[in-house]
C-alpha atoms as a PDB file:
ATOM      1  CA  MET A   1     336.495 138.793   0.627  1.00  0.00           C
ATOM      2  CA  SER A   2     339.823 137.022   0.160  1.00  0.00           C
ATOM      3  CA  THR A   3     340.154 133.850  -1.881  1.00  0.00           C
ATOM      4  CA  SER A   4     340.792 131.834   1.276  1.00  0.00           C
ATOM      5  CA  ALA A   5     337.748 133.346   3.011  1.00  0.00           C
ATOM      6  CA  ALA A   6     335.534 132.590   0.002  1.00  0.00           C
ATOM      7  CA  ALA A   7     336.805 129.007  -0.064  1.00  0.00           C
ATOM      8  CA  ALA A   8     335.839 128.634   3.602  1.00  0.00           C
ATOM      9  CA  ILE A   9     332.152 129.189   2.797  1.00  0.00           C
ATOM     10  CA  GLU A  10     330.329 125.918   3.477  1.00  0.00           C
ATOM     11  CA  ILE A  11     327.691 124.613   1.074  1.00  0.00           C
ATOM     12  CA  ARG A  12     325.347 122.009   2.539  1.00  0.00           C
ATOM     13  CA  VAL A  13     321.884 120.481   2.441  1.00  0.00           C
ATOM     14  CA  CYS A  14     319.333 122.156   4.737  1.00  0.00           C
ATOM     15  CA  HIS A  15     316.618 120.241   6.611  1.00  0.00           C
ATOM     16  CA  SER A  16     316.043 122.019   9.925  1.00  0.00           C
ATOM     17  CA  LEU A  17     313.332 124.564  10.620  1.00  0.00           C
ATOM     18  CA  GLU A  18     316.044 127.068  11.597  1.00  0.00           C
ATOM     19  CA  ASP A  19     317.717 126.719   8.203  1.00  0.00           C
ATOM     20  CA  CYS A  20     314.389 127.101   6.406  1.00  0.00           C
ATOM     21  CA  GLU A  21     313.610 130.226   8.423  1.00  0.00           C
ATOM     22  CA  ALA A  22     317.012 131.602   7.430  1.00  0.00           C
ATOM     23  CA  CYS A  23     316.045 131.047   3.771  1.00  0.00           C
ATOM     24  CA  VAL A  24     312.880 133.112   4.312  1.00  0.00           C
ATOM     25  CA  ALA A  25     314.941 135.897   5.868  1.00  0.00           C
ATOM     26  CA  MET A  26     317.119 135.861   2.756  1.00  0.00           C
ATOM     27  CA  GLU A  27     314.062 136.024   0.492  1.00  0.00           C
ATOM     28  CA  LYS A  28     312.999 139.202   2.312  1.00  0.00           C
ATOM     29  CA  ALA A  29     316.473 140.723   2.127  1.00  0.00           C
ATOM     30  CA  VAL A  30     317.085 139.976  -1.556  1.00  0.00           C
ATOM     31  CA  TRP A  31     313.673 140.381  -3.223  1.00  0.00           C
ATOM     32  CA  GLN A  32     312.011 142.750  -0.730  1.00  0.00           C
ATOM     33  CA  THR A  33     308.581 141.389  -1.630  1.00  0.00           C
ATOM     34  CA  ASP A  34     305.385 141.508   0.384  1.00  0.00           C
ATOM     35  CA  ASP A  35     305.016 138.606   2.819  1.00  0.00           C
ATOM     36  CA  VAL A  36     302.232 137.065   0.734  1.00  0.00           C
ATOM     37  CA  GLU A  37     304.764 136.407  -2.067  1.00  0.00           C
ATOM     38  CA  LEU A  38     307.354 134.699   0.143  1.00  0.00           C
ATOM     39  CA  VAL A  39     307.837 130.934   0.139  1.00  0.00           C
ATOM     40  CA  PRO A  40     307.242 130.070   3.818  1.00  0.00           C
ATOM     41  CA  SER A  41     309.558 127.999   5.979  1.00  0.00           C
ATOM     42  CA  ALA A  42     306.942 125.248   6.340  1.00  0.00           C
ATOM     43  CA  MET A  43     306.868 124.760   2.561  1.00  0.00           C
ATOM     44  CA  LEU A  44     310.653 124.737   2.380  1.00  0.00           C
ATOM     45  CA  ARG A  45     310.709 121.939   4.968  1.00  0.00           C
ATOM     46  CA  VAL A  46     308.219 119.984   2.850  1.00  0.00           C
ATOM     47  CA  VAL A  47     310.411 120.492  -0.213  1.00  0.00           C
ATOM     48  CA  ALA A  48     313.476 119.246   1.662  1.00  0.00           C
ATOM     49  CA  GLU A  49     311.685 116.124   2.886  1.00  0.00           C
ATOM     50  CA  THR A  50     309.938 115.114  -0.353  1.00  0.00           C
ATOM     51  CA  GLY A  51     312.781 114.823  -2.837  1.00  0.00           C
ATOM     52  CA  GLY A  52     313.424 118.471  -3.613  1.00  0.00           C
ATOM     53  CA  GLN A  53     316.430 120.505  -2.570  1.00  0.00           C
ATOM     54  CA  VAL A  54     317.040 123.226  -0.013  1.00  0.00           C
ATOM     55  CA  LEU A  55     320.744 124.091  -0.139  1.00  0.00           C
ATOM     56  CA  GLY A  56     322.506 126.772   1.853  1.00  0.00           C
ATOM     57  CA  ALA A  57     325.815 128.626   1.743  1.00  0.00           C
ATOM     58  CA  PHE A  58     327.137 129.485   5.199  1.00  0.00           C
ATOM     59  CA  ASP A  59     329.814 131.826   6.497  1.00  0.00           C
ATOM     60  CA  GLY A  60     330.212 130.241   9.894  1.00  0.00           C
ATOM     61  CA  ALA A  61     326.697 129.992  11.337  1.00  0.00           C
ATOM     62  CA  ARG A  62     325.303 132.721   9.059  1.00  0.00           C
ATOM     63  CA  MET A  63     323.420 131.766   5.894  1.00  0.00           C
ATOM     64  CA  ILE A  64     324.675 134.003   3.097  1.00  0.00           C
ATOM     65  CA  GLY A  65     323.188 132.194   0.103  1.00  0.00           C
ATOM     66  CA  PHE A  66     320.631 129.535  -0.735  1.00  0.00           C
ATOM     67  CA  THR A  67     318.892 127.723  -3.547  1.00  0.00           C
ATOM     68  CA  PHE A  68     315.848 125.519  -3.508  1.00  0.00           C
ATOM     69  CA  ALA A  69     314.226 123.267  -6.083  1.00  0.00           C
ATOM     70  CA  ILE A  70     311.022 121.271  -6.300  1.00  0.00           C
ATOM     71  CA  VAL A  71     310.580 117.933  -8.064  1.00  0.00           C
ATOM     72  CA  GLY A  72     308.881 117.828 -11.444  1.00  0.00           C
ATOM     73  CA  CYS A  73     308.269 115.132 -14.038  1.00  0.00           C
ATOM     74  CA  HIS A  74     308.827 115.194 -17.789  1.00  0.00           C
ATOM     75  CA  THR A  75     308.581 112.633 -20.574  1.00  0.00           C
ATOM     76  CA  VAL A  76     311.703 111.322 -22.307  1.00  0.00           C
ATOM     77  CA  VAL A  77     311.188 108.852 -25.179  1.00  0.00           C
ATOM     78  CA  GLY A  78     307.794 107.900 -23.815  1.00  0.00           C
ATOM     79  CA  ARG A  79     309.039 107.415 -20.269  1.00  0.00           C
ATOM     80  CA  ALA A  80     308.385 109.669 -17.294  1.00  0.00           C
ATOM     81  CA  GLU A  81     311.542 110.964 -15.616  1.00  0.00           C
ATOM     82  CA  PRO A  82     312.020 113.299 -12.649  1.00  0.00           C
ATOM     83  CA  PHE A  83     313.654 116.680 -12.928  1.00  0.00           C
ATOM     84  CA  LEU A  84     314.216 119.587 -10.555  1.00  0.00           C
ATOM     85  CA  HIS A  85     312.696 123.031 -10.995  1.00  0.00           C
ATOM     86  CA  SER A  86     315.084 125.411  -9.232  1.00  0.00           C
ATOM     87  CA  HIS A  87     312.721 128.126  -8.042  1.00  0.00           C
ATOM     88  CA  MET A  88     315.030 130.513  -6.164  1.00  0.00           C
ATOM     89  CA  THR A  89     318.758 131.157  -5.890  1.00  0.00           C
ATOM     90  CA  ALA A  90     320.149 134.118  -3.956  1.00  0.00           C
ATOM     91  CA  VAL A  91     323.376 135.402  -2.450  1.00  0.00           C
ATOM     92  CA  LEU A  92     323.554 138.377  -0.075  1.00  0.00           C
ATOM     93  CA  ARG A  93     324.845 141.497  -1.793  1.00  0.00           C
ATOM     94  CA  GLU A  94     328.054 141.719   0.252  1.00  0.00           C
ATOM     95  CA  TYR A  95     328.948 138.171  -0.841  1.00  0.00           C
ATOM     96  CA  GLU A  96     328.252 138.616  -4.561  1.00  0.00           C
ATOM     97  CA  ASN A  97     330.950 138.071  -7.217  1.00  0.00           C
ATOM     98  CA  GLN A  98     332.819 135.575  -5.034  1.00  0.00           C
ATOM     99  CA  GLY A  99     331.798 132.439  -6.947  1.00  0.00           C
ATOM    100  CA  ILE A 100     329.281 131.423  -4.267  1.00  0.00           C
ATOM    101  CA  GLY A 101     326.341 131.209  -6.675  1.00  0.00           C
ATOM    102  CA  ARG A 102     328.351 128.937  -8.965  1.00  0.00           C
ATOM    103  CA  ARG A 103     329.317 126.728  -6.029  1.00  0.00           C
ATOM    104  CA  LEU A 104     325.663 126.474  -5.001  1.00  0.00           C
ATOM    105  CA  LYS A 105     324.670 125.419  -8.512  1.00  0.00           C
ATOM    106  CA  PHE A 106     327.478 122.882  -8.817  1.00  0.00           C
ATOM    107  CA  PHE A 107     326.517 121.424  -5.425  1.00  0.00           C
ATOM    108  CA  GLN A 108     322.953 121.257  -6.732  1.00  0.00           C
ATOM    109  CA  ARG A 109     324.211 119.365  -9.786  1.00  0.00           C
ATOM    110  CA  GLN A 110     326.204 116.865  -7.737  1.00  0.00           C
ATOM    111  CA  ASP A 111     323.294 116.215  -5.388  1.00  0.00           C
ATOM    112  CA  ALA A 112     320.872 115.712  -8.293  1.00  0.00           C
ATOM    113  CA  LEU A 113     323.156 113.367 -10.223  1.00  0.00           C
ATOM    114  CA  ALA A 114     323.766 111.304  -7.089  1.00  0.00           C
ATOM    115  CA  ARG A 115     319.999 110.688  -7.016  1.00  0.00           C
ATOM    116  CA  GLY A 116     319.711 109.877 -10.710  1.00  0.00           C
ATOM    117  CA  ILE A 117     318.254 113.256 -11.717  1.00  0.00           C
ATOM    118  CA  ARG A 118     319.758 114.562 -14.957  1.00  0.00           C
ATOM    119  CA  LEU A 119     317.844 117.784 -15.594  1.00  0.00           C
ATOM    120  CA  VAL A 120     317.399 121.037 -13.662  1.00  0.00           C
ATOM    121  CA  ARG A 121     315.293 123.912 -14.982  1.00  0.00           C
ATOM    122  CA  TRP A 122     314.730 127.451 -13.744  1.00  0.00           C
ATOM    123  CA  THR A 123     313.341 130.757 -14.962  1.00  0.00           C
ATOM    124  CA  PHE A 124     315.065 134.141 -15.124  1.00  0.00           C
ATOM    125  CA  ASP A 125     314.414 137.650 -16.377  1.00  0.00           C
ATOM    126  CA  PRO A 126     315.768 138.183 -19.951  1.00  0.00           C
ATOM    127  CA  PHE A 127     316.732 141.744 -18.947  1.00  0.00           C
ATOM    128  CA  GLN A 128     319.187 140.369 -16.357  1.00  0.00           C
ATOM    129  CA  LEU A 129     322.065 139.921 -18.782  1.00  0.00           C
ATOM    130  CA  LYS A 130     324.567 139.060 -16.052  1.00  0.00           C
ATOM    131  CA  ASN A 131     322.346 136.139 -15.077  1.00  0.00           C
ATOM    132  CA  ALA A 132     322.005 135.142 -18.731  1.00  0.00           C
ATOM    133  CA  TRP A 133     325.808 135.014 -19.088  1.00  0.00           C
ATOM    134  CA  PHE A 134     326.127 132.992 -15.883  1.00  0.00           C
ATOM    135  CA  ASN A 135     323.423 130.511 -16.890  1.00  0.00           C
ATOM    136  CA  VAL A 136     324.538 129.932 -20.471  1.00  0.00           C
ATOM    137  CA  MET A 137     328.284 130.574 -20.519  1.00  0.00           C
ATOM    138  CA  ARG A 138     329.312 129.577 -16.992  1.00  0.00           C
ATOM    139  CA  LEU A 139     326.871 126.738 -16.277  1.00  0.00           C
ATOM    140  CA  GLY A 140     326.276 125.458 -19.812  1.00  0.00           C
ATOM    141  CA  ALA A 141     322.476 125.754 -19.759  1.00  0.00           C
ATOM    142  CA  VAL A 142     320.509 126.287 -22.965  1.00  0.00           C
ATOM    143  CA  LEU A 143     317.360 128.406 -23.336  1.00  0.00           C
ATOM    144  CA  ARG A 144     314.464 127.361 -25.552  1.00  0.00           C
ATOM    145  CA  SER A 145     311.281 128.396 -23.756  1.00  0.00           C
ATOM    146  CA  TYR A 146     309.822 131.859 -23.126  1.00  0.00           C
ATOM    147  CA  LEU A 147     307.035 132.463 -20.594  1.00  0.00           C
ATOM    148  CA  PRO A 148     305.216 135.816 -20.934  1.00  0.00           C
ATOM    149  CA  ASN A 149     304.346 137.481 -17.593  1.00  0.00           C
ATOM    150  CA  PHE A 150     304.873 134.176 -15.808  1.00  0.00           C
ATOM    151  CA  TYR A 151     304.560 135.428 -12.207  1.00  0.00           C
ATOM    152  CA  GLY A 152     302.255 138.360 -12.923  1.00  0.00           C
ATOM    153  CA  ILE A 153     303.024 141.840 -11.614  1.00  0.00           C
ATOM    154  CA  THR A 154     304.777 141.414  -8.259  1.00  0.00           C
ATOM    155  CA  SER A 155     305.523 143.692  -5.321  1.00  0.00           C
ATOM    156  CA  SER A 156     309.299 143.259  -5.619  1.00  0.00           C
ATOM    157  CA  PRO A 157     311.153 146.476  -6.520  1.00  0.00           C
ATOM    158  CA  LEU A 158     313.587 144.236  -8.411  1.00  0.00           C
ATOM    159  CA  HIS A 159     310.805 143.465 -10.900  1.00  0.00           C
ATOM    160  CA  GLY A 160     310.026 147.135 -11.486  1.00  0.00           C
ATOM    161  CA  GLY A 161     306.266 146.725 -11.795  1.00  0.00           C
ATOM    162  CA  ILE A 162     306.498 145.387 -15.365  1.00  0.00           C
ATOM    163  CA  PRO A 163     305.320 142.015 -16.738  1.00  0.00           C
ATOM    164  CA  THR A 164     307.484 139.176 -15.457  1.00  0.00           C
ATOM    165  CA  ASP A 165     308.470 137.638 -18.793  1.00  0.00           C
ATOM    166  CA  ARG A 166     310.885 134.772 -18.202  1.00  0.00           C
ATOM    167  CA  LEU A 167     313.314 132.609 -20.139  1.00  0.00           C
ATOM    168  CA  VAL A 168     313.653 128.982 -19.043  1.00  0.00           C
ATOM    169  CA  ALA A 169     317.157 127.614 -18.483  1.00  0.00           C
ATOM    170  CA  GLU A 170     317.574 123.892 -19.173  1.00  0.00           C
ATOM    171  CA  TRP A 171     320.586 122.380 -17.446  1.00  0.00           C
ATOM    172  CA  GLN A 172     321.267 118.877 -18.796  1.00  0.00           C
ATOM    173  CA  LEU A 173     323.530 117.861 -15.937  1.00  0.00           C
ATOM    174  CA  ASP A 174     325.525 115.050 -17.537  1.00  0.00           C
ATOM    175  CA  SER A 175     325.680 116.465 -21.081  1.00  0.00           C
ATOM    176  CA  GLN A 176     328.986 117.140 -22.797  1.00  0.00           C
ATOM    177  CA  ARG A 177     328.154 120.847 -22.826  1.00  0.00           C
ATOM    178  CA  VAL A 178     327.621 121.036 -19.050  1.00  0.00           C
ATOM    179  CA  ARG A 179     330.642 118.869 -18.266  1.00  0.00           C
ATOM    180  CA  ALA A 180     332.740 121.326 -20.289  1.00  0.00           C
ATOM    181  CA  ALA A 181     331.255 124.241 -18.310  1.00  0.00           C
ATOM    182  CA  VAL A 182     332.117 122.520 -15.013  1.00  0.00           C
ATOM    183  CA  GLU A 183     335.703 122.290 -16.254  1.00  0.00           C
ATOM    184  CA  GLY A 184     335.702 126.028 -17.014  1.00  0.00           C
ATOM    185  CA  ARG A 185     335.483 125.776 -20.817  1.00  0.00           C
ATOM    186  CA  LEU A 186     333.173 128.104 -22.768  1.00  0.00           C
ATOM    187  CA  PRO A 187     330.585 126.750 -25.229  1.00  0.00           C
ATOM    188  CA  PRO A 188     331.611 126.390 -28.900  1.00  0.00           C
ATOM    189  CA  VAL A 189     331.581 129.464 -31.129  1.00  0.00           C
ATOM    190  CA  PRO A 190     328.146 129.831 -32.767  1.00  0.00           C
ATOM    191  CA  GLY A 191     327.859 128.508 -36.326  1.00  0.00           C
ATOM    192  CA  PRO A 192     326.690 130.225 -39.519  1.00  0.00           C
ATOM    193  CA  GLU A 193     322.999 129.471 -38.876  1.00  0.00           C
ATOM    194  CA  ALA A 194     322.986 131.525 -35.673  1.00  0.00           C
ATOM    195  CA  VAL A 195     320.557 134.401 -35.222  1.00  0.00           C
ATOM    196  CA  ARG A 196     320.788 137.123 -32.597  1.00  0.00           C
ATOM    197  CA  ILE A 197     318.395 139.000 -30.333  1.00  0.00           C
ATOM    198  CA  SER A 198     320.045 142.150 -28.982  1.00  0.00           C
ATOM    199  CA  LEU A 199     319.429 144.156 -25.810  1.00  0.00           C
ATOM    200  CA  PRO A 200     321.190 147.259 -24.445  1.00  0.00           C
ATOM    201  CA  ASN A 201     323.849 146.403 -21.866  1.00  0.00           C
ATOM    202  CA  ASP A 202     322.116 148.610 -19.313  1.00  0.00           C
ATOM    203  CA  ILE A 203     318.592 147.262 -19.922  1.00  0.00           C
ATOM    204  CA  ALA A 204     318.163 146.196 -16.282  1.00  0.00           C
ATOM    205  CA  THR A 205     318.960 149.746 -15.123  1.00  0.00           C
ATOM    206  CA  GLN A 206     316.722 151.223 -17.826  1.00  0.00           C
ATOM    207  CA  ALA A 207     313.844 149.016 -16.692  1.00  0.00           C
ATOM    208  CA  LYS A 208     314.016 150.445 -13.173  1.00  0.00           C
ATOM    209  CA  ALA A 209     314.375 154.059 -14.317  1.00  0.00           C
ATOM    210  CA  ASN A 210     311.719 153.997 -17.038  1.00  0.00           C
ATOM    211  CA  PRO A 211     309.286 151.063 -16.765  1.00  0.00           C
ATOM    212  CA  ALA A 212     307.170 152.283 -19.700  1.00  0.00           C
ATOM    213  CA  ALA A 213     310.185 152.222 -22.015  1.00  0.00           C
ATOM    214  CA  ALA A 214     311.148 148.798 -20.659  1.00  0.00           C
ATOM    215  CA  VAL A 215     307.697 147.433 -21.511  1.00  0.00           C
ATOM    216  CA  HIS A 216     308.132 148.761 -25.066  1.00  0.00           C
ATOM    217  CA  ILE A 217     311.444 146.868 -25.385  1.00  0.00           C
ATOM    218  CA  GLN A 218     309.847 143.797 -23.818  1.00  0.00           C
ATOM    219  CA  ASP A 219     306.977 143.922 -26.327  1.00  0.00           C
ATOM    220  CA  ALA A 220     309.495 143.983 -29.193  1.00  0.00           C
ATOM    221  CA  MET A 221     311.687 141.231 -27.725  1.00  0.00           C
ATOM    222  CA  ARG A 222     308.945 138.757 -26.793  1.00  0.00           C
ATOM    223  CA  PRO A 223     307.800 137.755 -30.318  1.00  0.00           C
ATOM    224  CA  GLN A 224     311.398 137.336 -31.462  1.00  0.00           C
ATOM    225  CA  PHE A 225     312.097 134.710 -28.803  1.00  0.00           C
ATOM    226  CA  LEU A 226     308.748 132.992 -29.309  1.00  0.00           C
ATOM    227  CA  ARG A 227     309.248 132.810 -33.083  1.00  0.00           C
ATOM    228  CA  GLN A 228     312.770 131.403 -32.893  1.00  0.00           C
ATOM    229  CA  PHE A 229     311.917 128.864 -30.194  1.00  0.00           C
ATOM    230  CA  ALA A 230     308.896 127.698 -32.217  1.00  0.00           C
ATOM    231  CA  ALA A 231     311.269 127.181 -35.169  1.00  0.00           C
ATOM    232  CA  GLY A 232     313.458 124.835 -33.103  1.00  0.00           C
ATOM    233  CA  TYR A 233     316.177 127.289 -32.112  1.00  0.00           C
ATOM    234  CA  ALA A 234     317.741 127.601 -28.652  1.00  0.00           C
ATOM    235  CA  VAL A 235     320.016 130.160 -27.023  1.00  0.00           C
ATOM    236  CA  THR A 236     323.481 128.585 -26.929  1.00  0.00           C
ATOM    237  CA  ALA A 237     325.642 131.655 -26.218  1.00  0.00           C
ATOM    238  CA  ILE A 238     325.588 135.174 -24.784  1.00  0.00           C
ATOM    239  CA  GLU A 239     327.713 137.551 -26.836  1.00  0.00           C
ATOM    240  CA  PRO A 240     329.006 141.033 -25.926  1.00  0.00           C
ATOM    241  CA  ALA A 241     328.569 143.440 -28.849  1.00  0.00           C
ATOM    242  CA  GLY A 242     329.727 146.925 -27.880  1.00  0.00           C
ATOM    243  CA  PRO A 243     326.822 148.796 -26.237  1.00  0.00           C
ATOM    244  CA  GLN A 244     324.612 145.732 -26.636  1.00  0.00           C
ATOM    245  CA  THR A 245     324.541 142.088 -25.587  1.00  0.00           C
ATOM    246  CA  ASN A 246     323.296 139.401 -27.955  1.00  0.00           C
ATOM    247  CA  TYR A 247     321.337 136.295 -27.158  1.00  0.00           C
ATOM    248  CA  VAL A 248     322.717 133.892 -29.793  1.00  0.00           C
ATOM    249  CA  LEU A 249     320.301 131.226 -31.014  1.00  0.00           C
ATOM    250  CA  GLU A 250     321.048 128.131 -33.094  1.00  0.00           C
ATOM    251  CA  PRO A 251     319.075 125.102 -34.309  1.00  0.00           C
ATOM    252  CA  TRP A 252     318.773 122.656 -31.406  1.00  0.00           C
ATOM    253  CA  LYS A 253     317.837 119.025 -30.911  1.00  0.00           C
ATOM    254  CA  ASP A 254     317.095 117.330 -27.606  1.00  0.00           C
ATOM    255  CA  ALA A 255     320.260 116.251 -25.809  1.00  0.00           C
END
């Protein structure tokens, strides 16, 4: 896709039943899960009408990407504040690597801030290192929670039949770190207190080819993240290191 064609992709809020049904069709195309694991169009309509987000990327009339988020509540200095849990984000394969996912997330940020919401969270697979780079280095999220087998064993071939361990991305929308990411600047270089958790660059491919070996790596990785997060560390950078990629963790205080 040319730069001009990519720029012509429209990002907008979705409310109609037709748009919500298009989201379900994308769920099927991207995750290939059994119907019982799909988020139905009726629920997406409820999300859109009750303060959450259903956002679509359109090439003409065709939906080629979407993201949706539900409203949550967390406590900040003794006061309850809303946040968004971004449950799904997807772009059709033929439209990948065109910046559409980033545009969806930045639209999500603008829409949330306009409504006074300053935090978006979402989960992702630690083995998906491309997603880790996007979340931390391109969006400015930090990671400081690890959820073992959060969704259970699913029917999606993308999950490979292994436990669905997940990292939680925290996107503090109006923080200095995220504002820098919006402007295209990378996070600061990690300091001397940084520790690293390393994975092979091809871990996602390995997980599909040899699930038993992937579970072994997962079992070794899980306690490292849990230990560092319990000690007050957070992932602040993703670092290429030859045949491996490092999750870089540093001491972290609430923004």
